[in-house]
Amino acid sequence: MKRVVVSLFLVLTACASTAQSTKKTAEAVEAGAYYPLELGTVWTYEVKLLGETRQIEVSTTRKGDDGYVEDSTGARFLVDAYGVRDQKRYLLRNPIAAGTKWTNVVSVSSVESYEILAVDQPCDAPAGTWERCVVVESRNRVQEGTVLVNEMTFAPGVGIVRLSTVLESNGKQIPQSTLSLMKFTKPAG
């Protein structure tokens, strides 16, 4: 069950909702600054999904020859000149500026649309409070009139601190899941 929840979390991170921007652009900060991939980094999240609340721990475990860093769930991430990506999609793209948009074609029937909604925002989670956070929304049409919307909040040097998923259907928003960072540990040194 833990692997299913973690896998669902990774799928949900591919999508995101709305927030207000107080500044137009972050001061020349690259996407990689918002997703640390040092080996030994550990995130503990509280996940609320399907009426259940549980905690999951995710850690970076190894770096492949191709530059991707694998985490304890088997997911693989890379920071390149364009941004932060997994094997199918960019989660955060440069430039880090409100209004930056991109799309990810993850399969023949699935196209995800992303937009940076806010930059330089304060944000918080049970693990702490941060400045200069970035809020990203992704939208994925599930079927006619139904869209899965995710909102991800990234803190610099930390990664995803919050994620919420809603299903928009026939003008209604139906909450699906939330994820909140409970604890974050970077490797010593």
Foldseek 3Di string as FASTA:
>chain_A
DLLVQVVVVVVQLLFADADAAPDFADDPDAQCQQDDQPFFKKWWKWKQAPNDTDIDMKGFHDADPVQWTAIPSRWTWHQDPFHIDTPFDHSDGPPGGFFDKDWTCRDPQKIKIKTWHYFQDWDDFLAGIAGGKIKMKIWIAPDVQKIKIKIFITGGNFHTAKMWIWIGHPNDTHTGMMMGTNHIDDDDD
